[in-house]
Amino acid sequence: MSRVDQRRLVAVTGGIGSGKSVVCRILSALGHEVYDCDSRAKWLMDNSAGIKEELCRAIHPDVVKDGCIDRSMLSGIVFSDACKLQVLNSIVHGAVLADIARWAETKEGNIFVETAILYQSGLDRMVDEVWEVTAPEHVRVERVMKRNGMPEADVRARINSQVFEPGRRHARVRQIVNDGIQSLLLRIDALLGG
């Protein structure tokens, strides 16, 4: 059996405050490899000359100054122009997907990818299984208010902005309810066995 046959690539996803990062920290503590899409995307943007060149070509020639991305300028451009935002996402998502593929090549067993934008990025097409972390909205709001010091209205607006209904769902989706009542560890243990 080849290394690829021994590997199961699982996406851990969920909206803000659902607890997907907590699930991933538990998985890491249990000895599993976890790829964090958010932090890795930032690293790739900061360290890839190719990405920086594409940003200058496709977004704005001055978005990179002295080898560093001007994130304030980039945000101002892409959040006022939906087409530019789509271009940015295409550049970054493509780089992250390629990076995940390289990372996964060297792994075996259960490996995990933490992502908030599973379907929007196309990652759903790469993974064998999806673990969808959910929590009641009032629990999510409370968690984010406490963690980020954000007002309730801002948290609810962020939650509403993340609502996305994919045209297709992954064939193998498992739910993890993170409501503070059910044991996360027991649910993760059950999913690891199945």
C-alpha atoms as a PDB file:
ATOM      1  CA  MET A   1       0.000   0.000   0.000  1.00  0.00           C
ATOM      2  CA  SER A   2       1.400   3.383  -0.982  1.00  0.00           C
ATOM      3  CA  ARG A   3       1.729   6.384   1.312  1.00  0.00           C
ATOM      4  CA  VAL A   4      -1.196   8.065  -0.494  1.00  0.00           C
ATOM      5  CA  ASP A   5      -3.413   5.018   0.202  1.00  0.00           C
ATOM      6  CA  GLN A   6      -2.614   5.359   3.908  1.00  0.00           C
ATOM      7  CA  ARG A   7      -3.511   9.039   4.077  1.00  0.00           C
ATOM      8  CA  ARG A   8      -6.882  10.626   4.830  1.00  0.00           C
ATOM      9  CA  LEU A   9      -7.031  14.385   4.225  1.00  0.00           C
ATOM     10  CA  VAL A  10      -9.788  15.978   6.319  1.00  0.00           C
ATOM     11  CA  ALA A  11     -10.979  19.588   6.161  1.00  0.00           C
ATOM     12  CA  VAL A  12     -12.048  21.099   9.484  1.00  0.00           C
ATOM     13  CA  THR A  13     -14.385  23.990   8.757  1.00  0.00           C
ATOM     14  CA  GLY A  14     -16.952  26.216  10.417  1.00  0.00           C
ATOM     15  CA  GLY A  15     -17.893  29.846  10.826  1.00  0.00           C
ATOM     16  CA  ILE A  16     -16.407  32.362  13.222  1.00  0.00           C
ATOM     17  CA  GLY A  17     -16.852  31.311  16.844  1.00  0.00           C
ATOM     18  CA  SER A  18     -17.824  27.740  15.976  1.00  0.00           C
ATOM     19  CA  GLY A  19     -14.653  26.304  17.491  1.00  0.00           C
ATOM     20  CA  LYS A  20     -12.827  24.889  14.476  1.00  0.00           C
ATOM     21  CA  SER A  21      -9.524  26.167  15.891  1.00  0.00           C
ATOM     22  CA  VAL A  22     -10.241  24.433  19.206  1.00  0.00           C
ATOM     23  CA  VAL A  23     -10.898  21.181  17.345  1.00  0.00           C
ATOM     24  CA  CYS A  24      -7.615  21.614  15.467  1.00  0.00           C
ATOM     25  CA  ARG A  25      -5.680  22.318  18.691  1.00  0.00           C
ATOM     26  CA  ILE A  26      -7.098  19.085  20.133  1.00  0.00           C
ATOM     27  CA  LEU A  27      -6.073  17.210  16.987  1.00  0.00           C
ATOM     28  CA  SER A  28      -2.551  18.657  17.243  1.00  0.00           C
ATOM     29  CA  ALA A  29      -2.364  17.696  20.931  1.00  0.00           C
ATOM     30  CA  LEU A  30      -3.349  14.165  19.912  1.00  0.00           C
ATOM     31  CA  GLY A  31      -0.347  14.105  17.558  1.00  0.00           C
ATOM     32  CA  HIS A  32      -2.077  14.801  14.236  1.00  0.00           C
ATOM     33  CA  GLU A  33      -0.681  17.142  11.593  1.00  0.00           C
ATOM     34  CA  VAL A  34      -2.834  20.247  11.005  1.00  0.00           C
ATOM     35  CA  TYR A  35      -2.398  22.773   8.183  1.00  0.00           C
ATOM     36  CA  ASP A  36      -3.804  26.219   9.081  1.00  0.00           C
ATOM     37  CA  CYS A  37      -4.963  27.889   5.853  1.00  0.00           C
ATOM     38  CA  ASP A  38      -5.186  31.408   7.323  1.00  0.00           C
ATOM     39  CA  SER A  39      -1.690  31.587   8.783  1.00  0.00           C
ATOM     40  CA  ARG A  40      -0.164  29.757   5.827  1.00  0.00           C
ATOM     41  CA  ALA A  41      -1.877  32.086   3.317  1.00  0.00           C
ATOM     42  CA  LYS A  42      -0.387  35.079   5.143  1.00  0.00           C
ATOM     43  CA  TRP A  43       3.042  33.429   5.146  1.00  0.00           C
ATOM     44  CA  LEU A  44       2.825  32.635   1.436  1.00  0.00           C
ATOM     45  CA  MET A  45       1.768  36.190   0.602  1.00  0.00           C
ATOM     46  CA  ASP A  46       4.662  37.608   2.623  1.00  0.00           C
ATOM     47  CA  ASN A  47       7.260  35.207   1.242  1.00  0.00           C
ATOM     48  CA  SER A  48       6.328  34.445  -2.361  1.00  0.00           C
ATOM     49  CA  ALA A  49       7.834  36.705  -4.992  1.00  0.00           C
ATOM     50  CA  GLY A  50       5.427  35.145  -7.501  1.00  0.00           C
ATOM     51  CA  ILE A  51       2.362  36.150  -5.494  1.00  0.00           C
ATOM     52  CA  LYS A  52       3.715  39.673  -5.041  1.00  0.00           C
ATOM     53  CA  GLU A  53       4.338  39.978  -8.790  1.00  0.00           C
ATOM     54  CA  GLU A  54       0.802  38.784  -9.542  1.00  0.00           C
ATOM     55  CA  LEU A  55      -0.661  41.253  -7.047  1.00  0.00           C
ATOM     56  CA  CYS A  56       1.226  44.127  -8.691  1.00  0.00           C
ATOM     57  CA  ARG A  57       0.180  42.993 -12.155  1.00  0.00           C
ATOM     58  CA  ALA A  58      -3.462  42.175 -11.440  1.00  0.00           C
ATOM     59  CA  ILE A  59      -4.433  44.428  -8.495  1.00  0.00           C
ATOM     60  CA  HIS A  60      -2.241  47.559  -8.497  1.00  0.00           C
ATOM     61  CA  PRO A  61       1.435  48.194  -9.352  1.00  0.00           C
ATOM     62  CA  ASP A  62       2.092  49.928  -6.009  1.00  0.00           C
ATOM     63  CA  VAL A  63       0.526  47.298  -3.740  1.00  0.00           C
ATOM     64  CA  VAL A  64       4.027  45.974  -2.953  1.00  0.00           C
ATOM     65  CA  LYS A  65       6.521  48.484  -1.532  1.00  0.00           C
ATOM     66  CA  ASP A  66      10.104  47.592  -0.674  1.00  0.00           C
ATOM     67  CA  GLY A  67       9.254  43.898  -1.002  1.00  0.00           C
ATOM     68  CA  CYS A  68       6.325  44.097   1.450  1.00  0.00           C
ATOM     69  CA  ILE A  69       2.630  43.996   0.653  1.00  0.00           C
ATOM     70  CA  ASP A  70       0.852  47.191   1.647  1.00  0.00           C
ATOM     71  CA  ARG A  71      -2.087  45.384   3.267  1.00  0.00           C
ATOM     72  CA  SER A  72      -3.962  48.610   3.952  1.00  0.00           C
ATOM     73  CA  MET A  73      -3.820  49.587   0.291  1.00  0.00           C
ATOM     74  CA  LEU A  74      -4.658  46.045  -0.830  1.00  0.00           C
ATOM     75  CA  SER A  75      -7.704  45.913   1.472  1.00  0.00           C
ATOM     76  CA  GLY A  76      -8.886  49.315   0.319  1.00  0.00           C
ATOM     77  CA  ILE A  77      -8.744  48.225  -3.312  1.00  0.00           C
ATOM     78  CA  VAL A  78     -10.250  44.754  -3.079  1.00  0.00           C
ATOM     79  CA  PHE A  79     -13.054  45.632  -0.671  1.00  0.00           C
ATOM     80  CA  SER A  80     -14.236  48.433  -2.946  1.00  0.00           C
ATOM     81  CA  ASP A  81     -13.980  46.400  -6.167  1.00  0.00           C
ATOM     82  CA  ALA A  82     -15.595  42.943  -6.271  1.00  0.00           C
ATOM     83  CA  CYS A  83     -13.655  41.983  -9.416  1.00  0.00           C
ATOM     84  CA  LYS A  84     -10.317  42.781  -7.756  1.00  0.00           C
ATOM     85  CA  LEU A  85     -11.372  40.805  -4.671  1.00  0.00           C
ATOM     86  CA  GLN A  86     -12.125  37.835  -6.916  1.00  0.00           C
ATOM     87  CA  VAL A  87      -8.672  38.191  -8.520  1.00  0.00           C
ATOM     88  CA  LEU A  88      -6.985  38.350  -5.102  1.00  0.00           C
ATOM     89  CA  ASN A  89      -8.871  35.256  -3.932  1.00  0.00           C
ATOM     90  CA  SER A  90      -7.924  33.393  -7.093  1.00  0.00           C
ATOM     91  CA  ILE A  91      -4.239  34.201  -6.614  1.00  0.00           C
ATOM     92  CA  VAL A  92      -4.138  33.321  -2.922  1.00  0.00           C
ATOM     93  CA  HIS A  93      -6.421  30.276  -3.082  1.00  0.00           C
ATOM     94  CA  GLY A  94      -4.396  28.813  -5.954  1.00  0.00           C
ATOM     95  CA  ALA A  95      -1.155  29.250  -4.002  1.00  0.00           C
ATOM     96  CA  VAL A  96      -2.642  27.746  -0.835  1.00  0.00           C
ATOM     97  CA  LEU A  97      -4.095  24.724  -2.659  1.00  0.00           C
ATOM     98  CA  ALA A  98      -0.724  24.029  -4.295  1.00  0.00           C
ATOM     99  CA  ASP A  99       0.982  24.399  -0.911  1.00  0.00           C
ATOM    100  CA  ILE A 100      -1.476  21.978   0.713  1.00  0.00           C
ATOM    101  CA  ALA A 101      -0.841  19.436  -2.047  1.00  0.00           C
ATOM    102  CA  ARG A 102       2.948  19.654  -1.478  1.00  0.00           C
ATOM    103  CA  TRP A 103       2.496  19.426   2.304  1.00  0.00           C
ATOM    104  CA  ALA A 104       0.142  16.444   2.108  1.00  0.00           C
ATOM    105  CA  GLU A 105       2.483  14.504  -0.217  1.00  0.00           C
ATOM    106  CA  THR A 106       4.869  13.810   2.638  1.00  0.00           C
ATOM    107  CA  LYS A 107       2.232  12.799   5.200  1.00  0.00           C
ATOM    108  CA  GLU A 108       0.368   9.637   6.053  1.00  0.00           C
ATOM    109  CA  GLY A 109      -2.494   8.706   8.321  1.00  0.00           C
ATOM    110  CA  ASN A 110      -5.100  11.287   9.264  1.00  0.00           C
ATOM    111  CA  ILE A 111      -4.037  14.807   8.322  1.00  0.00           C
ATOM    112  CA  PHE A 112      -6.165  17.913   8.724  1.00  0.00           C
ATOM    113  CA  VAL A 113      -6.644  21.292   7.068  1.00  0.00           C
ATOM    114  CA  GLU A 114      -8.287  24.122   9.025  1.00  0.00           C
ATOM    115  CA  THR A 115     -10.287  26.408   6.745  1.00  0.00           C
ATOM    116  CA  ALA A 116     -13.148  28.876   6.983  1.00  0.00           C
ATOM    117  CA  ILE A 117     -13.728  28.934   3.207  1.00  0.00           C
ATOM    118  CA  LEU A 118     -13.823  25.287   2.189  1.00  0.00           C
ATOM    119  CA  TYR A 119     -16.070  25.568  -0.855  1.00  0.00           C
ATOM    120  CA  GLN A 120     -15.129  29.096  -1.948  1.00  0.00           C
ATOM    121  CA  SER A 121     -11.444  28.109  -2.169  1.00  0.00           C
ATOM    122  CA  GLY A 122     -12.021  24.816  -3.996  1.00  0.00           C
ATOM    123  CA  LEU A 123     -10.416  22.865  -1.158  1.00  0.00           C
ATOM    124  CA  ASP A 124     -13.519  20.666  -0.946  1.00  0.00           C
ATOM    125  CA  ARG A 125     -12.351  18.991  -4.178  1.00  0.00           C
ATOM    126  CA  MET A 126      -9.050  17.935  -2.585  1.00  0.00           C
ATOM    127  CA  VAL A 127     -10.187  16.453   0.715  1.00  0.00           C
ATOM    128  CA  ASP A 128     -11.471  12.985   1.523  1.00  0.00           C
ATOM    129  CA  GLU A 129     -13.774  14.141   4.293  1.00  0.00           C
ATOM    130  CA  VAL A 130     -15.152  17.304   5.899  1.00  0.00           C
ATOM    131  CA  TRP A 131     -15.596  17.892   9.623  1.00  0.00           C
ATOM    132  CA  GLU A 132     -18.066  20.736   9.988  1.00  0.00           C
ATOM    133  CA  VAL A 133     -17.857  22.400  13.400  1.00  0.00           C
ATOM    134  CA  THR A 134     -21.107  24.051  14.460  1.00  0.00           C
ATOM    135  CA  ALA A 135     -22.472  25.846  17.498  1.00  0.00           C
ATOM    136  CA  PRO A 136     -25.687  27.730  18.232  1.00  0.00           C
ATOM    137  CA  GLU A 137     -25.457  31.323  17.051  1.00  0.00           C
ATOM    138  CA  HIS A 138     -25.835  32.817  20.540  1.00  0.00           C
ATOM    139  CA  VAL A 139     -22.861  30.711  21.706  1.00  0.00           C
ATOM    140  CA  ARG A 140     -20.777  31.821  18.714  1.00  0.00           C
ATOM    141  CA  VAL A 141     -21.642  35.486  19.342  1.00  0.00           C
ATOM    142  CA  GLU A 142     -20.714  35.218  23.011  1.00  0.00           C
ATOM    143  CA  ARG A 143     -17.386  33.508  22.221  1.00  0.00           C
ATOM    144  CA  VAL A 144     -16.323  36.075  19.633  1.00  0.00           C
ATOM    145  CA  MET A 145     -17.366  39.031  21.791  1.00  0.00           C
ATOM    146  CA  LYS A 146     -15.274  37.656  24.653  1.00  0.00           C
ATOM    147  CA  ARG A 147     -12.292  36.613  22.499  1.00  0.00           C
ATOM    148  CA  ASN A 148     -12.077  39.655  20.197  1.00  0.00           C
ATOM    149  CA  GLY A 149     -13.693  42.334  22.357  1.00  0.00           C
ATOM    150  CA  MET A 150     -16.150  43.075  19.552  1.00  0.00           C
ATOM    151  CA  PRO A 151     -19.633  44.518  20.057  1.00  0.00           C
ATOM    152  CA  GLU A 152     -22.509  42.086  19.489  1.00  0.00           C
ATOM    153  CA  ALA A 153     -23.739  43.887  16.346  1.00  0.00           C
ATOM    154  CA  ASP A 154     -20.298  43.581  14.722  1.00  0.00           C
ATOM    155  CA  VAL A 155     -20.075  39.882  15.567  1.00  0.00           C
ATOM    156  CA  ARG A 156     -23.518  39.213  14.118  1.00  0.00           C
ATOM    157  CA  ALA A 157     -22.595  41.159  10.970  1.00  0.00           C
ATOM    158  CA  ARG A 158     -19.429  39.058  10.600  1.00  0.00           C
ATOM    159  CA  ILE A 159     -21.414  35.828  11.060  1.00  0.00           C
ATOM    160  CA  ASN A 160     -23.974  36.959   8.472  1.00  0.00           C
ATOM    161  CA  SER A 161     -21.231  37.892   6.004  1.00  0.00           C
ATOM    162  CA  GLN A 162     -19.864  34.353   6.195  1.00  0.00           C
ATOM    163  CA  VAL A 163     -23.130  32.687   5.192  1.00  0.00           C
ATOM    164  CA  PHE A 164     -22.410  30.708   2.046  1.00  0.00           C
ATOM    165  CA  GLU A 165     -24.465  27.969   0.458  1.00  0.00           C
ATOM    166  CA  PRO A 166     -22.343  25.845  -1.863  1.00  0.00           C
ATOM    167  CA  GLY A 167     -23.861  24.617  -5.105  1.00  0.00           C
ATOM    168  CA  ARG A 168     -22.751  21.145  -4.072  1.00  0.00           C
ATOM    169  CA  ARG A 169     -21.847  19.640  -0.721  1.00  0.00           C
ATOM    170  CA  HIS A 170     -18.965  17.303  -0.112  1.00  0.00           C
ATOM    171  CA  ALA A 171     -20.079  13.679  -0.217  1.00  0.00           C
ATOM    172  CA  ARG A 172     -18.634  12.897   3.214  1.00  0.00           C
ATOM    173  CA  VAL A 173     -19.500  15.555   5.819  1.00  0.00           C
ATOM    174  CA  ARG A 174     -19.333  14.846   9.545  1.00  0.00           C
ATOM    175  CA  GLN A 175     -20.758  17.252  12.130  1.00  0.00           C
ATOM    176  CA  ILE A 176     -19.085  18.303  15.358  1.00  0.00           C
ATOM    177  CA  VAL A 177     -21.426  20.219  17.648  1.00  0.00           C
ATOM    178  CA  ASN A 178     -19.364  22.506  19.857  1.00  0.00           C
ATOM    179  CA  ASP A 179     -22.045  23.842  22.153  1.00  0.00           C
ATOM    180  CA  GLY A 180     -20.088  23.569  25.403  1.00  0.00           C
ATOM    181  CA  ILE A 181     -22.329  20.717  26.523  1.00  0.00           C
ATOM    182  CA  GLN A 182     -21.269  17.757  24.411  1.00  0.00           C
ATOM    183  CA  SER A 183     -17.694  16.513  24.786  1.00  0.00           C
ATOM    184  CA  LEU A 184     -15.532  17.654  21.888  1.00  0.00           C
ATOM    185  CA  LEU A 185     -12.873  15.096  22.712  1.00  0.00           C
ATOM    186  CA  LEU A 186     -15.361  12.212  22.602  1.00  0.00           C
ATOM    187  CA  ARG A 187     -16.779  13.388  19.251  1.00  0.00           C
ATOM    188  CA  ILE A 188     -13.290  13.813  17.758  1.00  0.00           C
ATOM    189  CA  ASP A 189     -12.276  10.389  19.051  1.00  0.00           C
ATOM    190  CA  ALA A 190     -15.373   8.845  17.446  1.00  0.00           C
ATOM    191  CA  LEU A 191     -14.637  10.537  14.107  1.00  0.00           C
ATOM    192  CA  LEU A 192     -11.015   9.436  14.162  1.00  0.00           C
ATOM    193  CA  GLY A 193     -12.195   5.844  14.518  1.00  0.00           C
ATOM    194  CA  GLY A 194     -14.648   6.062  11.648  1.00  0.00           C
END
